[in-house]
Amino acid sequence: MFNAEFFVAISFIIFVGLILFLRLPRRILSILDERSLNIQKELEQARNLREEAQKILAKEKKKLEEADVEIVNLLKNAEELTKIFKANAGKLLSEDIERKKKQSELKIKQAESDAIKEVKLKATELSLEIAKAYIKQNFDSKMSSEIFEESIKDLKKNL
C-alpha cells in the first residue's frame, strides 16, 4: 500500500499545496506582468527611435538632394565662368601683345633718338678737334688760343 507511487503522489500534493500557500503563482504572474510592461516600454521606445531615425533619414536625403542640385548649379556656373575666362583671356592676351608691341616701338624710337644725339655729339667733338688743329696751324699762338677759347665757350652754350 505505501509503495513509491504513493509517496510521489503525496509529495506532489504537498508541493502544490505549498506553492498555493506561498502564493507563488501571483508572484510569478506579477513578475511576468512587470516584465511584460518593461518589454512594452522598450518596444515603444524602439518605435519612437525608429520614427525619429526615419525623420532624420528623410531630412538627410532631402539635404543630399539639395546638395546634388547645388553641385550641378555650381558646375554649370563654373563652366560658364570658364567660357567667359577663355574669351577674356584671348582678348587680354591680344591687348597685352599690343601693349608690349607699343612699348617696344617706343624703346626703338628712344634708342634711335639717343643714337642720333650721340652721333651729333661725336661729330661736334670731332669738328672741334679739327677746328682746333687747323687754328693751331694757321694762327699765331696768342690769337689762336683766344679765338679757340671763345669758340669752345660758344659751342658749350649751344650744346
C-alpha atoms as a PDB file:
ATOM      1  CA  MET A   1       0.000   0.000   0.000  1.00  0.00           C
ATOM      2  CA  PHE A   2       2.753   2.530   0.614  1.00  0.00           C
ATOM      3  CA  ASN A   3       4.732   1.988  -2.455  1.00  0.00           C
ATOM      4  CA  ALA A   4       6.849   4.562  -4.303  1.00  0.00           C
ATOM      5  CA  GLU A   5       3.936   5.916  -6.334  1.00  0.00           C
ATOM      6  CA  PHE A   6       2.051   6.732  -3.193  1.00  0.00           C
ATOM      7  CA  PHE A   7       4.960   8.757  -1.828  1.00  0.00           C
ATOM      8  CA  VAL A   8       5.394  10.563  -5.154  1.00  0.00           C
ATOM      9  CA  ALA A   9       1.684  11.465  -5.173  1.00  0.00           C
ATOM     10  CA  ILE A  10       1.827  12.696  -1.551  1.00  0.00           C
ATOM     11  CA  SER A  11       4.971  14.701  -2.319  1.00  0.00           C
ATOM     12  CA  PHE A  12       3.268  16.224  -5.340  1.00  0.00           C
ATOM     13  CA  ILE A  13       0.188  17.235  -3.367  1.00  0.00           C
ATOM     14  CA  ILE A  14       2.355  18.745  -0.626  1.00  0.00           C
ATOM     15  CA  PHE A  15       4.375  20.588  -3.232  1.00  0.00           C
ATOM     16  CA  VAL A  16       1.275  22.013  -4.944  1.00  0.00           C
ATOM     17  CA  GLY A  17      -0.212  22.922  -1.561  1.00  0.00           C
ATOM     18  CA  LEU A  18       2.990  24.671  -0.550  1.00  0.00           C
ATOM     19  CA  ILE A  19       3.048  26.606  -3.809  1.00  0.00           C
ATOM     20  CA  LEU A  20      -0.557  27.703  -3.310  1.00  0.00           C
ATOM     21  CA  PHE A  21       0.062  28.526   0.332  1.00  0.00           C
ATOM     22  CA  LEU A  22       3.032  30.740  -0.500  1.00  0.00           C
ATOM     23  CA  ARG A  23       1.070  32.404  -3.323  1.00  0.00           C
ATOM     24  CA  LEU A  24       3.800  31.772  -5.843  1.00  0.00           C
ATOM     25  CA  PRO A  25       1.516  31.927  -8.873  1.00  0.00           C
ATOM     26  CA  ARG A  26       0.636  35.554  -8.052  1.00  0.00           C
ATOM     27  CA  ARG A  27       4.258  36.428  -7.549  1.00  0.00           C
ATOM     28  CA  ILE A  28       5.186  34.721 -10.784  1.00  0.00           C
ATOM     29  CA  LEU A  29       2.317  36.473 -12.591  1.00  0.00           C
ATOM     30  CA  SER A  30       3.295  39.855 -11.137  1.00  0.00           C
ATOM     31  CA  ILE A  31       6.908  39.283 -12.171  1.00  0.00           C
ATOM     32  CA  LEU A  32       5.756  38.278 -15.658  1.00  0.00           C
ATOM     33  CA  ASP A  33       3.410  41.286 -15.845  1.00  0.00           C
ATOM     34  CA  GLU A  34       6.222  43.590 -14.797  1.00  0.00           C
ATOM     35  CA  ARG A  35       8.497  42.018 -17.369  1.00  0.00           C
ATOM     36  CA  SER A  36       5.767  42.388 -19.986  1.00  0.00           C
ATOM     37  CA  LEU A  37       5.362  46.093 -19.145  1.00  0.00           C
ATOM     38  CA  ASN A  38       9.113  46.617 -19.409  1.00  0.00           C
ATOM     39  CA  ILE A  39       9.133  44.903 -22.793  1.00  0.00           C
ATOM     40  CA  GLN A  40       6.210  47.088 -23.951  1.00  0.00           C
ATOM     41  CA  LYS A  41       8.066  50.222 -22.824  1.00  0.00           C
ATOM     42  CA  GLU A  42      11.196  49.105 -24.645  1.00  0.00           C
ATOM     43  CA  LEU A  43       9.151  48.359 -27.769  1.00  0.00           C
ATOM     44  CA  GLU A  44       7.541  51.809 -27.570  1.00  0.00           C
ATOM     45  CA  GLN A  45      10.957  53.422 -27.179  1.00  0.00           C
ATOM     46  CA  ALA A  46      12.217  51.392 -30.117  1.00  0.00           C
ATOM     47  CA  ARG A  47       9.244  52.569 -32.234  1.00  0.00           C
ATOM     48  CA  ASN A  48       9.889  56.174 -31.233  1.00  0.00           C
ATOM     49  CA  LEU A  49      13.568  55.846 -32.020  1.00  0.00           C
ATOM     50  CA  ARG A  50      12.732  54.246 -35.364  1.00  0.00           C
ATOM     51  CA  GLU A  51      10.347  57.099 -36.224  1.00  0.00           C
ATOM     52  CA  GLU A  52      12.979  59.660 -35.268  1.00  0.00           C
ATOM     53  CA  ALA A  53      15.561  57.810 -37.325  1.00  0.00           C
ATOM     54  CA  GLN A  54      13.201  57.783 -40.318  1.00  0.00           C
ATOM     55  CA  LYS A  55      12.581  61.515 -39.929  1.00  0.00           C
ATOM     56  CA  ILE A  56      16.314  62.175 -39.715  1.00  0.00           C
ATOM     57  CA  LEU A  57      16.897  59.928 -42.721  1.00  0.00           C
ATOM     58  CA  ALA A  58      14.266  61.832 -44.702  1.00  0.00           C
ATOM     59  CA  LYS A  59      15.848  65.166 -43.734  1.00  0.00           C
ATOM     60  CA  GLU A  60      19.310  63.947 -44.688  1.00  0.00           C
ATOM     61  CA  LYS A  61      18.039  62.588 -48.013  1.00  0.00           C
ATOM     62  CA  LYS A  62      16.454  65.963 -48.703  1.00  0.00           C
ATOM     63  CA  LYS A  63      19.704  67.726 -47.795  1.00  0.00           C
ATOM     64  CA  LEU A  64      21.593  65.322 -50.049  1.00  0.00           C
ATOM     65  CA  GLU A  65      19.237  66.060 -52.935  1.00  0.00           C
ATOM     66  CA  GLU A  66      19.618  69.798 -52.323  1.00  0.00           C
ATOM     67  CA  ALA A  67      23.392  69.389 -52.226  1.00  0.00           C
ATOM     68  CA  ASP A  68      23.266  67.463 -55.512  1.00  0.00           C
ATOM     69  CA  VAL A  69      21.228  70.261 -57.101  1.00  0.00           C
ATOM     70  CA  GLU A  70      23.643  72.844 -55.727  1.00  0.00           C
ATOM     71  CA  ILE A  71      26.617  70.889 -57.072  1.00  0.00           C
ATOM     72  CA  VAL A  72      25.003  70.750 -60.513  1.00  0.00           C
ATOM     73  CA  ASN A  73      24.391  74.517 -60.371  1.00  0.00           C
ATOM     74  CA  LEU A  74      27.959  75.170 -59.248  1.00  0.00           C
ATOM     75  CA  LEU A  75      29.296  73.045 -62.099  1.00  0.00           C
ATOM     76  CA  LYS A  76      27.148  74.945 -64.603  1.00  0.00           C
ATOM     77  CA  ASN A  77      28.360  78.270 -63.197  1.00  0.00           C
ATOM     78  CA  ALA A  78      31.951  77.061 -63.297  1.00  0.00           C
ATOM     79  CA  GLU A  79      31.575  76.037 -66.943  1.00  0.00           C
ATOM     80  CA  GLU A  80      30.078  79.429 -67.805  1.00  0.00           C
ATOM     81  CA  LEU A  81      32.862  81.235 -65.962  1.00  0.00           C
ATOM     82  CA  THR A  82      35.424  79.080 -67.745  1.00  0.00           C
ATOM     83  CA  LYS A  83      33.960  80.061 -71.109  1.00  0.00           C
ATOM     84  CA  ILE A  84      33.982  83.732 -70.105  1.00  0.00           C
ATOM     85  CA  PHE A  85      37.562  83.499 -68.839  1.00  0.00           C
ATOM     86  CA  LYS A  86      38.667  81.796 -72.053  1.00  0.00           C
ATOM     87  CA  ALA A  87      37.073  84.546 -74.118  1.00  0.00           C
ATOM     88  CA  ASN A  88      38.599  87.240 -71.913  1.00  0.00           C
ATOM     89  CA  ALA A  89      41.969  85.508 -71.875  1.00  0.00           C
ATOM     90  CA  GLY A  90      42.213  85.755 -75.664  1.00  0.00           C
ATOM     91  CA  LYS A  91      41.223  89.407 -75.541  1.00  0.00           C
ATOM     92  CA  LEU A  92      43.632  90.147 -72.688  1.00  0.00           C
ATOM     93  CA  LEU A  93      46.418  88.302 -74.487  1.00  0.00           C
ATOM     94  CA  SER A  94      45.925  90.344 -77.650  1.00  0.00           C
ATOM     95  CA  GLU A  95      45.799  93.556 -75.576  1.00  0.00           C
ATOM     96  CA  ASP A  96      48.981  92.534 -73.767  1.00  0.00           C
ATOM     97  CA  ILE A  97      50.724  91.766 -77.056  1.00  0.00           C
ATOM     98  CA  GLU A  98      49.628  95.127 -78.469  1.00  0.00           C
ATOM     99  CA  ARG A  99      50.845  96.949 -75.357  1.00  0.00           C
ATOM    100  CA  LYS A 100      54.217  95.214 -75.474  1.00  0.00           C
ATOM    101  CA  LYS A 101      54.484  95.999 -79.189  1.00  0.00           C
ATOM    102  CA  LYS A 102      53.884  99.699 -78.463  1.00  0.00           C
ATOM    103  CA  GLN A 103      56.442  99.618 -75.648  1.00  0.00           C
ATOM    104  CA  SER A 104      58.976  98.027 -77.984  1.00  0.00           C
ATOM    105  CA  GLU A 105      58.309 100.657 -80.639  1.00  0.00           C
ATOM    106  CA  LEU A 106      58.799 103.412 -78.051  1.00  0.00           C
ATOM    107  CA  LYS A 107      62.068 101.837 -76.921  1.00  0.00           C
ATOM    108  CA  ILE A 108      63.257 101.618 -80.529  1.00  0.00           C
ATOM    109  CA  LYS A 109      62.373 105.292 -81.135  1.00  0.00           C
ATOM    110  CA  GLN A 110      64.155 106.274 -77.925  1.00  0.00           C
ATOM    111  CA  ALA A 111      67.207 104.245 -78.937  1.00  0.00           C
ATOM    112  CA  GLU A 112      67.194 105.937 -82.375  1.00  0.00           C
ATOM    113  CA  SER A 113      66.913 109.344 -80.737  1.00  0.00           C
ATOM    114  CA  ASP A 114      69.760 108.531 -78.339  1.00  0.00           C
ATOM    115  CA  ALA A 115      71.898 107.255 -81.219  1.00  0.00           C
ATOM    116  CA  ILE A 116      71.276 110.427 -83.258  1.00  0.00           C
ATOM    117  CA  LYS A 117      72.185 112.605 -80.263  1.00  0.00           C
ATOM    118  CA  GLU A 118      75.335 110.594 -79.688  1.00  0.00           C
ATOM    119  CA  VAL A 119      76.362 110.838 -83.370  1.00  0.00           C
ATOM    120  CA  LYS A 120      75.760 114.610 -83.323  1.00  0.00           C
ATOM    121  CA  LEU A 121      77.791 114.923 -80.132  1.00  0.00           C
ATOM    122  CA  LYS A 122      80.669 112.904 -81.574  1.00  0.00           C
ATOM    123  CA  ALA A 123      80.502 114.914 -84.820  1.00  0.00           C
ATOM    124  CA  THR A 124      80.628 118.142 -82.831  1.00  0.00           C
ATOM    125  CA  GLU A 125      83.563 116.933 -80.762  1.00  0.00           C
ATOM    126  CA  LEU A 126      85.368 115.802 -83.904  1.00  0.00           C
ATOM    127  CA  SER A 127      84.651 119.152 -85.605  1.00  0.00           C
ATOM    128  CA  LEU A 128      86.071 120.929 -82.572  1.00  0.00           C
ATOM    129  CA  GLU A 129      89.211 118.834 -82.669  1.00  0.00           C
ATOM    130  CA  ILE A 130      89.632 119.504 -86.388  1.00  0.00           C
ATOM    131  CA  ALA A 131      88.989 123.222 -85.927  1.00  0.00           C
ATOM    132  CA  LYS A 132      91.432 123.286 -83.030  1.00  0.00           C
ATOM    133  CA  ALA A 133      94.122 121.626 -85.082  1.00  0.00           C
ATOM    134  CA  TYR A 134      93.501 123.940 -88.046  1.00  0.00           C
ATOM    135  CA  ILE A 135      93.584 127.067 -85.903  1.00  0.00           C
ATOM    136  CA  LYS A 136      96.802 125.964 -84.242  1.00  0.00           C
ATOM    137  CA  GLN A 137      98.468 125.556 -87.587  1.00  0.00           C
ATOM    138  CA  ASN A 138      97.196 128.727 -89.278  1.00  0.00           C
ATOM    139  CA  PHE A 139      97.127 131.353 -86.498  1.00  0.00           C
ATOM    140  CA  ASP A 140      99.727 132.546 -84.147  1.00  0.00           C
ATOM    141  CA  SER A 141      99.587 131.093 -80.724  1.00  0.00           C
ATOM    142  CA  LYS A 142      98.223 134.062 -78.814  1.00  0.00           C
ATOM    143  CA  MET A 143      95.469 134.908 -81.228  1.00  0.00           C
ATOM    144  CA  SER A 144      94.539 131.322 -81.844  1.00  0.00           C
ATOM    145  CA  SER A 145      94.172 130.467 -78.183  1.00  0.00           C
ATOM    146  CA  GLU A 146      91.819 133.440 -77.619  1.00  0.00           C
ATOM    147  CA  ILE A 147      89.634 132.524 -80.582  1.00  0.00           C
ATOM    148  CA  PHE A 148      89.747 128.902 -79.607  1.00  0.00           C
ATOM    149  CA  GLU A 149      88.636 129.558 -76.036  1.00  0.00           C
ATOM    150  CA  GLU A 150      85.739 131.759 -77.200  1.00  0.00           C
ATOM    151  CA  SER A 151      84.623 129.166 -79.732  1.00  0.00           C
ATOM    152  CA  ILE A 152      84.620 126.433 -77.127  1.00  0.00           C
ATOM    153  CA  LYS A 153      82.555 128.571 -74.776  1.00  0.00           C
ATOM    154  CA  ASP A 154      80.048 129.319 -77.566  1.00  0.00           C
ATOM    155  CA  LEU A 155      79.788 125.671 -78.501  1.00  0.00           C
ATOM    156  CA  LYS A 156      79.252 124.598 -74.925  1.00  0.00           C
ATOM    157  CA  LYS A 157      76.455 127.150 -74.586  1.00  0.00           C
ATOM    158  CA  ASN A 158      74.817 125.878 -77.785  1.00  0.00           C
ATOM    159  CA  LEU A 159      75.010 122.246 -76.753  1.00  0.00           C
END
